[in-house]
Protein backbone atom coordinates (compact mmCIF):
# COMPACT_ATOMS: atom_id res chain seq x y z
CA MET A 1 28.05 7.53 -15.24
CA ALA A 2 30.90 6.96 -17.91
CA ALA A 3 31.09 10.21 -19.66
CA ALA A 4 31.79 8.80 -22.79
CA ALA A 5 28.61 6.14 -24.45
CA ARG A 6 29.44 3.23 -25.46
CA GLY A 7 28.15 3.11 -29.29
CA ALA A 8 26.10 5.78 -30.89
CA PRO A 9 25.75 9.17 -28.87
CA PRO A 10 22.80 10.07 -27.09
CA PRO A 11 20.05 11.31 -29.05
CA SER A 12 19.99 15.17 -29.83
CA VAL A 13 16.96 17.47 -27.78
CA ALA A 14 14.70 17.71 -31.01
CA VAL A 15 14.65 13.96 -30.90
CA ILE A 16 13.27 14.90 -27.35
CA ILE A 17 11.20 17.53 -28.61
CA LEU A 18 9.63 15.45 -31.21
CA VAL A 19 8.10 12.92 -29.06
CA PHE A 20 7.04 15.20 -26.67
CA LEU A 21 5.09 16.92 -29.35
CA LEU A 22 4.04 14.00 -30.92
CA SER A 23 2.87 12.09 -27.66
CA LEU A 24 0.36 15.08 -27.04
CA LEU A 25 -0.35 16.39 -30.59
CA GLY A 26 -3.56 13.79 -31.12
CA SER A 27 -5.53 14.72 -27.79
CA LEU A 28 -5.75 18.01 -28.93
CA PRO A 29 -9.06 18.13 -30.64
CA LEU A 30 -10.64 15.81 -27.42
CA VAL A 31 -13.09 17.13 -25.29
CA SER A 32 -12.16 14.12 -22.90
CA ARG A 33 -9.18 15.87 -21.64
CA TYR A 34 -11.57 19.79 -21.25
CA HIS A 35 -10.70 21.69 -18.56
CA LEU A 36 -13.34 23.55 -17.27
CA ASP A 37 -10.59 27.01 -17.14
CA GLU A 38 -9.58 26.81 -20.17
CA GLY A 39 -13.38 28.03 -20.74
CA TRP A 40 -12.47 31.28 -19.13
CA TYR A 41 -9.89 32.43 -21.49
CA THR A 42 -10.98 30.71 -25.16
CA ASN A 43 -14.86 32.56 -24.36
CA ALA A 44 -12.80 35.93 -24.03
CA ALA A 45 -10.79 35.45 -26.73
CA ILE A 46 -13.73 34.49 -28.91
CA GLN A 47 -15.58 37.43 -28.23
CA MET A 48 -12.24 39.58 -28.90
CA VAL A 49 -12.26 38.13 -32.68
CA GLN A 50 -15.95 38.67 -33.28
CA SER A 51 -15.99 42.24 -31.82
CA GLY A 52 -12.53 43.86 -32.77
CA ASP A 53 -12.96 44.78 -29.27
CA TYR A 54 -9.16 43.20 -27.97
CA VAL A 55 -8.10 45.37 -25.23
CA THR A 56 -10.88 44.35 -22.70
CA PRO A 57 -11.27 40.33 -21.95
CA ARG A 58 -15.06 39.22 -20.94
CA TYR A 59 -17.36 35.99 -19.58
CA ALA A 60 -19.42 34.30 -22.11
CA ASP A 61 -21.96 36.36 -21.21
CA GLY A 62 -20.33 39.59 -22.16
CA SER A 63 -19.30 40.67 -18.37
CA LEU A 64 -15.90 42.48 -18.38
CA ARG A 65 -13.81 39.90 -16.64
CA PHE A 66 -10.10 41.78 -15.32
CA ARG A 67 -9.23 38.76 -12.99
CA LYS A 68 -6.43 37.41 -15.35
CA PRO A 69 -3.43 40.41 -17.64
CA ILE A 70 -4.24 39.99 -20.98
CA LEU A 71 -1.23 38.02 -22.99
CA THR A 72 -3.04 34.63 -22.73
CA TYR A 73 -6.00 36.42 -24.23
CA TRP A 74 -4.01 37.60 -27.44
CA VAL A 75 -3.04 34.21 -27.70
CA LEU A 76 -5.49 32.82 -28.17
CA ALA A 77 -7.22 35.82 -30.12
CA THR A 78 -4.23 35.56 -32.27
CA SER A 79 -4.65 31.85 -32.79
CA TYR A 80 -8.03 32.08 -33.52
CA ALA A 81 -7.71 34.65 -36.39
CA THR A 82 -5.07 32.90 -37.85
CA LEU A 83 -6.37 29.22 -37.91
CA GLY A 84 -10.08 29.73 -36.84
CA ILE A 85 -11.75 28.86 -33.41
CA GLY A 86 -11.35 25.49 -32.80
CA LEU A 87 -10.06 23.03 -29.92
CA VAL A 88 -6.57 22.71 -31.84
CA SER A 89 -6.52 26.79 -32.20
CA SER A 90 -7.15 26.59 -28.69
CA ARG A 91 -4.67 24.44 -27.42
CA LEU A 92 -1.84 24.29 -30.00
CA PRO A 93 0.01 27.49 -29.00
CA PHE A 94 0.41 26.02 -25.41
CA LEU A 95 1.59 23.07 -26.59
CA LEU A 96 4.07 24.89 -28.62
CA ALA A 97 5.15 27.32 -25.51
CA ALA A 98 6.04 23.43 -23.52
CA CYS A 99 7.99 22.73 -26.59
CA ALA A 100 10.14 25.48 -26.42
CA THR A 101 9.99 25.32 -22.13
CA LEU A 102 12.20 22.07 -23.32
CA TRP A 103 14.69 23.99 -25.06
CA VAL A 104 15.12 26.80 -22.84
CA THR A 105 15.34 23.83 -19.91
CA TYR A 106 18.31 22.47 -22.53
CA ARG A 107 20.14 25.33 -22.95
CA LEU A 108 20.38 26.75 -19.33
CA ALA A 109 21.46 23.54 -18.76
CA ARG A 110 24.29 23.03 -20.99
CA SER A 111 24.91 26.94 -19.51
CA VAL A 112 25.17 26.22 -15.92
CA THR A 113 26.78 22.60 -16.08
CA GLN A 114 28.66 23.17 -19.53
CA ASP A 115 27.86 19.68 -20.02
CA PRO A 116 25.28 18.98 -22.85
CA ARG A 117 24.22 15.42 -21.67
CA ILE A 118 22.85 17.35 -18.32
CA GLY A 119 21.18 19.57 -20.46
CA LEU A 120 19.45 16.27 -22.45
CA LEU A 121 18.26 14.47 -19.73
CA ALA A 122 16.69 17.60 -18.01
CA ALA A 123 14.81 17.95 -20.91
CA ALA A 124 13.87 14.74 -20.96
CA LEU A 125 12.76 14.73 -17.01
CA LEU A 126 10.82 17.89 -17.87
CA GLY A 127 9.27 16.44 -20.86
CA SER A 128 7.99 13.29 -19.03
CA ASN A 129 6.84 15.34 -15.75
CA ILE A 130 2.87 14.33 -15.84
CA LEU A 131 2.30 17.83 -14.36
CA PHE A 132 4.25 19.45 -17.20
CA MET A 133 2.39 17.22 -20.33
CA GLU A 134 -1.25 18.46 -18.45
CA SER A 135 -0.46 22.08 -18.57
CA ALA A 136 1.07 21.68 -22.23
CA THR A 137 -2.30 20.83 -23.76
CA LYS A 138 -4.59 22.90 -21.93
CA ALA A 139 -5.56 26.45 -22.69
CA THR A 140 -4.64 28.12 -19.65
CA PRO A 141 -2.23 30.60 -18.84
CA ASP A 142 0.34 28.28 -16.75
CA ILE A 143 2.51 26.82 -19.49
CA LEU A 144 3.19 30.47 -20.68
CA GLN A 145 3.66 31.48 -17.70
CA CYS A 146 6.02 28.33 -17.02
CA LEU A 147 8.04 29.71 -20.44
CA PHE A 148 7.98 32.87 -19.88
CA ILE A 149 9.71 32.39 -16.19
CA THR A 150 12.28 29.83 -17.22
CA LEU A 151 13.42 32.30 -20.13
CA SER A 152 13.76 34.94 -17.21
CA LEU A 153 15.93 32.51 -14.77
CA TRP A 154 17.97 31.42 -17.82
CA GLY A 155 18.80 35.28 -18.19
CA ALA A 156 19.68 35.66 -14.90
CA THR A 157 21.66 32.38 -14.77
CA GLU A 158 24.10 33.60 -17.09
CA LEU A 159 24.33 36.93 -14.98
CA LEU A 160 24.77 35.28 -11.77
CA PHE A 161 26.60 32.23 -12.35
CA ASN A 162 28.44 32.66 -15.96
CA ARG A 163 28.85 36.80 -15.49
CA ARG A 164 27.91 37.27 -19.58
CA ASP A 165 27.13 40.94 -18.85
CA ASP A 166 26.11 41.76 -22.49
CA PRO A 167 21.98 42.86 -23.16
CA ARG A 168 20.77 39.83 -24.72
CA TRP A 169 20.55 38.34 -20.77
CA TYR A 170 19.71 41.29 -19.31
CA ALA A 171 16.80 41.43 -21.79
CA LEU A 172 15.83 37.39 -20.90
CA PHE A 173 16.04 38.46 -17.07
CA TYR A 174 13.70 41.66 -17.29
CA VAL A 175 11.67 41.30 -20.29
CA GLY A 176 11.17 37.61 -19.49
CA ALA A 177 9.65 38.70 -15.95
CA GLY A 178 7.68 41.23 -17.46
CA LEU A 179 5.82 38.36 -19.91
CA GLY A 180 5.43 36.17 -16.99
CA ILE A 181 3.43 39.21 -15.77
CA ALA A 182 1.48 40.03 -18.23
CA THR A 183 0.36 36.05 -18.45
CA LYS A 184 -0.71 35.74 -15.30
CA GLY A 185 0.36 38.30 -12.76
CA LEU A 186 2.54 38.79 -9.44
CA LEU A 187 4.70 35.90 -9.35
CA PRO A 188 7.33 37.17 -11.62
CA PHE A 189 8.10 40.31 -9.57
CA ALA A 190 9.90 36.87 -7.35
CA VAL A 191 11.73 36.10 -10.01
CA ILE A 192 13.56 39.62 -9.98
CA ALA A 193 13.44 39.69 -6.53
CA TRP A 194 15.10 35.97 -5.91
CA PRO A 195 18.26 36.44 -7.56
CA LEU A 196 18.96 40.16 -6.27
CA LEU A 197 18.47 38.58 -2.65
CA PHE A 198 20.55 35.40 -3.59
CA THR A 199 23.66 37.83 -4.12
CA ARG A 200 23.17 38.72 -0.85
CA LEU A 201 22.90 35.43 1.13
CA LEU A 202 25.05 33.56 -0.84
CA PRO A 203 27.98 35.75 -2.38
CA SER A 204 30.40 34.27 -3.90
CA GLU A 205 33.76 34.17 -2.32
CA THR A 206 36.18 34.61 -5.32
CA ASP A 207 34.44 36.91 -7.79
CA ARG A 208 33.15 40.22 -7.94
CA PRO A 209 29.51 40.19 -7.19
CA PRO A 210 27.71 40.13 -10.68
CA ARG A 211 25.91 43.33 -12.07
CA LEU A 212 22.47 41.87 -12.17
CA PHE A 213 20.35 45.72 -12.20
CA HIS A 214 20.00 47.57 -15.54
CA VAL A 215 17.96 50.71 -15.44
CA GLY A 216 17.22 50.18 -18.72
CA TRP A 217 16.27 46.56 -18.96
CA LEU A 218 14.29 46.86 -16.30
CA MET A 219 11.77 49.62 -17.30
CA ALA A 220 11.26 47.73 -20.58
CA GLY A 221 10.21 45.13 -18.34
CA LEU A 222 7.88 46.93 -16.40
CA VAL A 223 6.80 48.41 -19.75
CA VAL A 224 5.97 44.70 -20.88
CA GLY A 225 4.38 44.01 -17.89
CA LEU A 226 2.37 46.49 -16.58
CA SER A 227 1.79 48.64 -20.12
CA TRP A 228 -1.87 46.76 -20.77
CA LEU A 229 -3.01 47.16 -16.96
CA ALA A 230 -2.22 51.23 -17.22
CA GLY A 231 -3.69 51.56 -20.09
CA SER A 232 -6.85 49.38 -18.88
CA LEU A 233 -7.15 51.80 -15.82
CA LEU A 234 -7.29 54.50 -18.24
CA LEU A 235 -9.93 52.79 -20.34
CA ARG A 236 -11.96 51.43 -17.55
CA GLY A 237 -11.20 52.97 -14.26
CA PRO A 238 -10.06 51.40 -10.83
CA GLU A 239 -12.17 48.38 -11.49
CA VAL A 240 -9.40 46.64 -13.47
CA ALA A 241 -7.04 46.46 -10.61
CA THR A 242 -9.43 46.29 -7.73
CA THR A 243 -10.50 42.56 -9.75
CA LEU A 244 -7.12 41.64 -10.22
CA PHE A 245 -5.88 42.32 -6.96
CA GLU A 246 -8.82 40.16 -5.43
CA ASP A 247 -8.36 37.37 -7.90
CA GLN A 248 -4.42 37.61 -6.37
CA VAL A 249 -4.37 38.55 -3.42
CA GLY A 250 -7.97 39.39 -1.49
CA GLN A 251 -9.29 36.50 -1.94
CA ARG A 252 -7.10 34.07 -1.68
CA LEU A 253 -5.98 35.25 1.69
CA GLU A 254 -9.59 34.56 3.09
CA GLY A 255 -9.04 31.44 5.73
CA ALA A 256 -5.96 30.83 4.77
CA HIS A 257 -4.12 31.04 8.00
CA ARG A 258 -5.99 27.64 8.67
CA LEU A 259 -4.24 25.91 5.99
CA PHE A 260 -1.19 26.93 6.35
CA LEU A 261 1.06 24.38 7.59
CA SER A 262 -0.97 21.56 5.54
CA ASN A 263 0.02 24.36 2.37
CA ILE A 264 3.40 24.32 3.27
CA ALA A 265 3.26 20.03 3.62
CA LEU A 266 1.28 20.01 0.63
CA TYR A 267 3.97 22.18 -1.79
CA LEU A 268 6.92 20.37 -0.14
CA LEU A 269 5.53 17.10 -1.79
CA THR A 270 4.90 18.21 -4.83
CA PRO A 271 8.19 17.70 -6.60
CA PHE A 272 8.51 13.95 -5.07
CA ARG A 273 5.00 13.68 -6.27
CA PHE A 274 5.33 15.05 -10.31
CA PHE A 275 9.46 13.64 -10.42
CA ALA A 276 8.70 10.32 -9.06
CA PRO A 277 11.24 8.16 -11.09
CA TRP A 278 14.13 10.25 -10.71
CA PHE A 279 13.62 10.81 -6.84
CA VAL A 280 13.33 6.96 -6.41
CA MET A 281 16.62 6.37 -7.87
CA LEU A 282 18.24 9.44 -6.28
CA GLY A 283 17.21 7.68 -3.02
CA ILE A 284 18.93 4.15 -4.00
CA LEU A 285 21.95 6.10 -4.64
CA ALA A 286 21.75 8.06 -1.75
CA VAL A 287 21.60 4.97 0.67
CA VAL A 288 24.11 2.63 -1.73
CA GLN A 289 26.61 5.90 -2.46
CA ARG A 290 25.85 8.44 0.01
CA ASP A 291 29.45 9.84 -0.29
CA LEU A 292 29.58 10.24 -4.22
CA LEU A 293 25.82 12.05 -3.62
CA ARG A 294 27.80 14.55 -1.44
CA ALA A 295 30.02 15.10 -3.20
CA SER A 296 27.69 16.04 -6.40
CA VAL A 297 25.75 18.08 -4.33
CA ARG A 298 28.81 20.35 -3.04
CA GLN A 299 30.11 19.91 -7.02
CA GLN A 300 26.43 21.80 -7.66
CA GLY A 301 27.91 24.78 -5.39
CA ARG A 302 25.78 27.70 -5.51
CA TRP A 303 23.74 26.21 -7.95
CA PHE A 304 22.36 23.63 -5.84
CA TRP A 305 21.05 26.34 -3.27
CA PHE A 306 19.72 28.50 -6.12
CA VAL A 307 17.54 26.15 -7.41
CA LEU A 308 15.81 25.13 -3.74
CA GLY A 309 15.99 28.32 -2.46
CA TRP A 310 13.66 29.66 -5.92
CA LEU A 311 11.57 26.24 -4.78
CA LEU A 312 11.51 27.53 -1.06
CA VAL A 313 10.45 30.85 -2.53
CA ASN A 314 7.30 29.72 -4.46
CA VAL A 315 6.39 27.73 -1.73
CA ALA A 316 6.46 30.09 0.95
CA VAL A 317 4.16 32.23 -1.64
CA PHE A 318 1.74 29.86 -2.52
CA SER A 319 1.21 28.64 1.34
CA PHE A 320 -0.38 31.73 1.99
CA GLY A 321 -3.61 31.22 0.17
CA ASN A 322 -6.47 29.60 0.59
CA LEU A 323 -5.60 27.57 -2.36
CA MET A 324 -3.67 24.25 -3.09
CA ARG A 325 -2.95 23.93 -6.64
CA PRO A 326 0.27 21.60 -7.59
CA ARG A 327 0.40 24.09 -11.20
CA TYR A 328 1.46 26.63 -9.15
CA LEU A 329 5.10 24.99 -8.40
CA LEU A 330 5.05 24.65 -12.31
CA PRO A 331 7.69 27.36 -12.96
CA THR A 332 10.35 25.97 -10.20
CA PHE A 333 10.28 22.70 -12.53
CA PRO A 334 12.68 23.15 -15.25
CA LEU A 335 15.13 24.51 -12.73
CA LEU A 336 14.24 21.39 -10.41
CA ALA A 337 15.26 19.05 -13.76
CA VAL A 338 18.09 20.87 -14.23
CA LEU A 339 19.50 19.92 -10.90
CA LEU A 340 17.92 16.55 -10.71
CA ALA A 341 20.13 15.39 -14.16
CA GLY A 342 22.97 16.73 -12.79
CA LEU A 343 22.87 14.83 -9.69
CA LEU A 344 21.91 11.79 -11.90
CA GLN A 345 24.50 12.40 -14.09
CA GLN A 346 27.10 12.25 -11.83
CA THR A 347 25.64 9.42 -9.40
CA MET A 348 24.83 6.91 -11.88
CA GLN A 349 27.79 4.86 -11.45
CA GLY A 350 29.44 1.67 -10.98
CA ARG A 351 27.63 -1.28 -9.29
CA PRO A 352 24.23 0.77 -8.05
CA ALA A 353 23.70 2.17 -11.49
CA ARG A 354 24.42 -0.86 -13.52
CA VAL A 355 21.29 -2.46 -10.56
CA ILE A 356 19.01 0.43 -11.68
CA GLN A 357 19.55 -0.22 -15.25
CA HIS A 358 18.75 -3.37 -14.95
CA ILE A 359 15.50 -3.01 -13.45
CA LEU A 360 15.07 -0.44 -15.74
CA GLN A 361 14.90 -2.44 -18.50
CA TRP A 362 12.63 -4.90 -16.77
CA VAL A 363 10.35 -1.88 -16.22
CA PHE A 364 10.40 -1.80 -19.73
CA ARG A 365 9.52 -5.29 -21.04
CA ALA A 366 6.83 -5.33 -18.11
CA ALA A 367 5.18 -2.27 -20.02
CA THR A 368 5.50 -3.51 -22.89
CA GLY A 369 3.77 -6.92 -21.89
CA VAL A 370 0.39 -4.17 -21.01
CA GLY A 371 0.92 -2.80 -23.61
CA VAL A 372 0.80 -6.55 -25.67
CA VAL A 373 -2.45 -7.28 -23.74
CA LEU A 374 -3.91 -4.12 -23.55
CA ALA A 375 -3.55 -5.06 -27.70
CA LEU A 376 -5.13 -8.06 -27.84
CA VAL A 377 -7.51 -7.79 -25.24
CA GLY A 378 -8.68 -3.80 -25.65
CA TRP A 379 -10.82 -4.49 -28.76
CA ARG A 380 -12.97 -5.84 -26.94
CA ILE A 381 -14.25 -2.63 -25.02
CA ASP A 382 -13.05 -0.58 -27.67
CA GLN A 383 -10.59 -0.64 -30.76
CA ARG A 384 -8.96 2.56 -29.59
CA PHE A 385 -7.56 0.81 -26.38
CA ALA A 386 -6.57 -1.66 -28.88
CA ILE A 387 -4.51 0.39 -31.37
CA GLY A 388 -3.25 2.61 -27.96
CA GLY A 389 -1.86 -0.93 -26.88
CA PHE A 390 -0.57 -1.43 -30.01
CA CYS A 391 1.38 2.11 -30.48
CA LEU A 392 2.62 1.72 -26.62
CA SER A 393 3.94 -1.33 -27.15
CA GLY A 394 5.77 -1.02 -30.66
CA VAL A 395 7.32 2.54 -29.22
CA LEU A 396 8.53 0.63 -25.90
CA LEU A 397 10.48 -2.18 -27.80
CA LEU A 398 12.04 0.13 -30.28
CA LEU A 399 13.01 2.52 -26.99
CA ASP A 400 14.68 -0.70 -25.35
CA TRP A 401 16.45 -1.39 -28.43
CA ALA A 402 17.85 1.74 -29.02
CA ALA A 403 19.24 2.42 -25.09
CA PHE A 404 19.80 -0.56 -23.14
CA ARG A 405 22.83 -1.04 -25.07
CA ARG A 406 24.40 1.50 -24.47
CA SER A 407 25.56 3.63 -21.24
CA ALA A 408 23.07 4.88 -18.59
CA LEU A 409 22.39 8.20 -20.17
CA PRO A 410 20.52 6.89 -22.68
CA GLN A 411 18.56 5.01 -21.05
CA LEU A 412 17.15 7.47 -18.85
CA ILE A 413 16.46 9.49 -21.76
CA ALA A 414 14.44 6.79 -22.60
CA LEU A 415 12.82 6.05 -19.61
CA GLY A 416 11.70 10.07 -20.03
CA LEU A 417 10.48 9.37 -23.28
CA ALA A 418 8.27 6.16 -22.46
CA ILE A 419 6.61 8.16 -19.92
CA MET A 420 5.78 10.63 -22.45
CA VAL A 421 4.28 8.36 -24.81
CA ALA A 422 2.62 6.06 -21.99
CA PHE A 423 0.78 9.83 -21.55
CA GLY A 424 -0.05 9.95 -24.55
CA THR A 425 -1.47 6.89 -25.20
CA LEU A 426 -3.76 7.35 -22.29
CA GLU A 427 -4.87 10.66 -23.29
CA GLN A 428 -5.83 9.74 -26.87
CA PHE A 429 -6.79 6.72 -27.01
CA LEU A 430 -7.96 4.91 -23.56
CA LYS A 431 -9.28 8.70 -21.88
CA PRO A 432 -11.74 9.11 -24.76
CA VAL A 433 -13.25 6.25 -24.28
CA VAL A 434 -14.03 6.35 -20.25
CA ILE A 435 -14.57 10.04 -20.72
CA THR A 436 -17.37 11.32 -23.06
CA SER A 437 -19.45 14.28 -23.73
CA PRO A 438 -22.47 15.13 -25.38
CA ALA A 439 -20.73 17.90 -27.16
CA ALA A 440 -20.43 16.79 -30.27
CA GLU A 441 -24.01 15.56 -30.93
CA LEU A 442 -25.30 19.36 -29.56
CA THR A 443 -23.00 20.96 -32.17
CA GLN A 444 -24.33 19.26 -34.41
CA ARG A 445 -27.78 19.32 -33.63
CA LEU A 446 -28.04 22.85 -33.13
CA LEU A 447 -25.76 23.70 -36.36
CA ALA A 448 -28.82 21.62 -38.45
CA LEU A 449 -31.43 24.37 -37.27
CA ASN A 450 -32.30 26.26 -40.38
CA PRO A 451 -32.77 28.89 -40.09
CA PRO A 452 -29.57 28.46 -37.54
CA PRO A 453 -30.39 30.42 -34.33
CA GLU A 454 -28.82 33.85 -33.29
CA ARG A 455 -28.83 33.26 -29.45
CA ILE A 456 -29.43 29.89 -27.72
CA ALA A 457 -30.66 29.39 -24.15
CA THR A 458 -28.98 26.40 -22.17
CA VAL A 459 -30.93 25.66 -19.11
CA GLY A 460 -28.45 23.25 -16.60
CA LEU A 461 -25.71 22.37 -19.07
CA ARG A 462 -22.46 22.29 -17.26
CA HIS A 463 -20.63 25.10 -18.15
CA SER A 464 -17.50 22.62 -19.70
CA VAL A 465 -19.90 21.02 -22.38
CA ALA A 466 -21.27 24.98 -23.20
CA ASN A 467 -17.50 25.76 -23.35
CA GLN A 468 -17.33 23.03 -25.71
CA ILE A 469 -19.89 23.67 -27.71
CA ARG A 470 -18.72 27.39 -28.20
CA LEU A 471 -15.16 25.80 -29.80
CA LEU A 472 -16.87 23.16 -31.65
CA SER A 473 -18.84 25.27 -33.45
CA GLY A 474 -16.12 27.51 -34.97
CA GLY A 475 -17.59 30.12 -32.02
CA ARG A 476 -20.91 30.45 -34.53
CA LEU A 477 -22.96 29.11 -31.45
CA ALA A 478 -23.66 32.11 -29.25
CA LEU A 479 -25.14 30.06 -26.07
CA ARG A 480 -26.66 32.26 -22.92
CA GLU A 481 -26.48 29.71 -19.44
CA PHE A 482 -28.84 29.67 -17.10
CA PRO A 483 -29.13 27.40 -14.13
CA ASP A 484 -31.01 23.96 -13.72
CA ASN A 485 -33.67 25.69 -11.49
CA GLU A 486 -34.11 28.97 -14.02
CA GLY A 487 -38.44 29.86 -14.81
CA GLN A 488 -39.69 29.32 -17.90
CA GLU A 489 -39.85 33.20 -18.57
CA THR A 490 -36.49 33.87 -17.98
CA VAL A 491 -35.85 31.78 -21.55
CA ARG A 492 -39.13 32.27 -23.34
CA HIS A 493 -38.02 35.00 -25.70
CA PHE A 494 -35.11 33.45 -26.41
CA PRO A 495 -35.72 30.84 -30.04
CA VAL A 496 -33.87 27.71 -29.42
CA ILE A 497 -33.42 26.80 -25.58
CA LEU A 498 -31.58 23.15 -24.68
CA ALA A 499 -33.34 22.40 -21.53
CA PRO A 500 -33.21 19.57 -19.03
CA PRO A 501 -36.66 17.19 -18.33
CA PRO A 502 -37.99 20.02 -15.70
CA LEU A 503 -38.57 22.47 -18.19
CA TYR A 504 -39.31 20.31 -20.89
CA HIS A 505 -41.98 19.35 -19.26
CA THR A 506 -43.44 22.97 -18.29
CA LEU A 507 -43.17 23.68 -21.82
CA ALA A 508 -44.33 20.68 -23.40
CA GLU A 509 -47.99 21.47 -23.78
CA ASP A 510 -47.30 25.08 -25.77
CA PRO A 511 -48.51 24.66 -28.78
CA SER A 512 -45.71 27.53 -30.02
CA TYR A 513 -42.86 25.21 -29.15
CA THR A 514 -41.48 21.86 -30.95
CA SER A 515 -39.51 20.06 -28.53
CA LYS A 516 -37.27 16.93 -29.59
CA ALA A 517 -35.34 14.52 -27.20
CA CYS A 518 -31.77 15.10 -27.91
CA VAL A 519 -28.87 13.85 -25.99
CA LEU A 520 -27.81 11.35 -23.42
CA GLU A 521 -25.32 12.95 -21.07
CA TYR A 522 -23.54 9.92 -18.97
CA GLN A 523 -21.09 9.81 -16.18
CA PRO A 524 -17.46 8.18 -17.19
CA LEU A 525 -17.08 4.51 -17.45
CA SER A 526 -16.54 2.96 -14.15
CA ALA A 527 -14.14 0.25 -13.07
CA GLU A 528 -16.74 -2.35 -12.72
CA GLU A 529 -18.38 -1.14 -16.40
CA LEU A 530 -14.80 -1.73 -17.75
CA TRP A 531 -14.40 -5.52 -16.57
CA SER A 532 -17.89 -6.00 -17.38
CA ALA A 533 -17.09 -4.88 -20.92
CA LEU A 534 -14.02 -6.87 -21.37
CA LYS A 535 -15.85 -9.74 -20.14
CA THR A 536 -19.27 -9.88 -22.22
CA GLY A 537 -17.59 -7.75 -25.22
CA GLU A 538 -20.14 -4.86 -25.16
CA ARG A 539 -20.06 -1.77 -23.28
CA ALA A 540 -22.14 -1.93 -19.79
CA PRO A 541 -25.53 -0.39 -20.08
CA LYS A 542 -25.43 2.67 -18.26
CA HIS A 543 -27.79 3.28 -15.65
CA GLU A 544 -30.63 5.91 -15.21
CA LYS A 545 -28.91 7.65 -12.19
CA ASP A 546 -26.10 8.10 -14.58
CA GLN A 547 -28.01 9.45 -17.47
CA LYS A 548 -28.84 13.67 -18.03
CA ARG A 549 -31.25 13.76 -20.60
CA TYR A 550 -31.59 17.35 -23.00
CA TYR A 551 -34.10 18.40 -25.11
CA LEU A 552 -34.13 20.60 -27.69
CA ILE A 553 -37.23 22.96 -27.57
CA ARG A 554 -37.47 25.15 -31.02
CA LYS A 555 -40.08 28.19 -30.37
CA GLN A 556 -42.43 28.24 -33.47
CA ALA A 557 -42.97 31.95 -35.57
CA GLY A 558 -46.93 30.96 -34.94
CA ASN A 559 -48.65 28.06 -33.54
CA GLY A 560 -47.05 24.70 -33.51
CA THR A 561 -47.38 21.01 -31.84
CA SER A 562 -44.78 19.29 -29.06
CA GLU A 563 -43.77 16.33 -30.01
CA ARG A 564 -43.04 14.24 -27.08
CA PRO A 565 -39.93 11.89 -27.50
CA SER A 566 -40.16 8.12 -27.82
């Protein structure tokens, strides 16, 4: 890629972060992208705010939960205390953490390559990563851990490659790792170990060994990472440590030996899955410009092996577990984005680069056409489809006009921005039509009761729906969840019961209860139903097998009647 771009310079990193933020901001209040794991943290944070106990995380039923360290709960509790309890306040801190990770990645890339253009491209690559975008809008620890580990690796990079041994880089290296430990557990210990090991495995041939070890900042990092654990051990005893260890190590090793080889293969494929467009470009360049790519790898030098080694450390650690989760590799993605950006920037030259640019331009035009078609016919299914299509096609046209009259760098950045916008369109306009939840209607029904119930029993309700109700009610509704086969004697002492048909039929003849049909829960729309809606202009009717009815059963102070739903 030519060093100087024709026309105006590429956008600043602020533009990339702003597009990322705006692409995802509208999905924060949507239940269509709710993930069950969010409830483990939001339920505990709600209880912290309501009880004033900010030291002990708990499940929704009040039992202790020591499976993860404390920092994620504190982030949520702080957001609730400031903004109130809700879906937006649950997810906003994590979206802001993702934006901060993009900025740190940009600064890290600038520092290690001395080229701000690579920093811009690295931020665009990371921001357009589907797994990164998904994690940015979930109230789970993954994106926080990614931010803190990236901060730690930035400090390590300055110490290891730039020999800047002033206190701030030691602080980033050790305290960043400590914050990572306080967020999700043991992995940040590997962040400290890997740079130290790297200096032994691949020492610099020209310079003195870097001074990575610093007792003072190491102790500061340990205090940050382990102080809550130490305090909880004093307050609650060894249960804290044993539960945390079981979650991090013990339960992960059961039967793991049978999955080891498959885990290695799947984890090694994970970066190729989530950085697919960029690896495809590198693959093309590797075929037609092999010598140039080899020269670029040599130019990366020890940095190439540092990034690759960090990836392999993570693959090795998680391959020993009995769960394979692509998000476990999220802390490796910022460094991979920097490496890929450097390789692309140095090899996008000559005729192959121009061919790729022409392909990208046609991809943009095809995607714009898809957006236009969606805008024109989407209204037959739902007006949100049409709005999403208009937004997508408009932004793609703008990016096409802004980028494809310049050099390759703005075009690559434009591709990253286009992926962000396309993902945001899917999440904000299309997915809510396909995936629905009864949580909003249930919340309105329950809050409308007079007097409002202090305790509510839910029987057979999905955990995710119960968690959504807690958030949508601002924490005002206290739900106690029971399985589908729970007997009536267990729930009779609750003034309000949200029940499936079997329990409703059991209580319907009891004059001390009033019962009303409440809501229907649907399965996600299938492709067949979407096609039928497109042809007829009406959403396809749901089949009985896809419905689940709930009944609102209320206990009366005296004798009452039970209303059968029509």
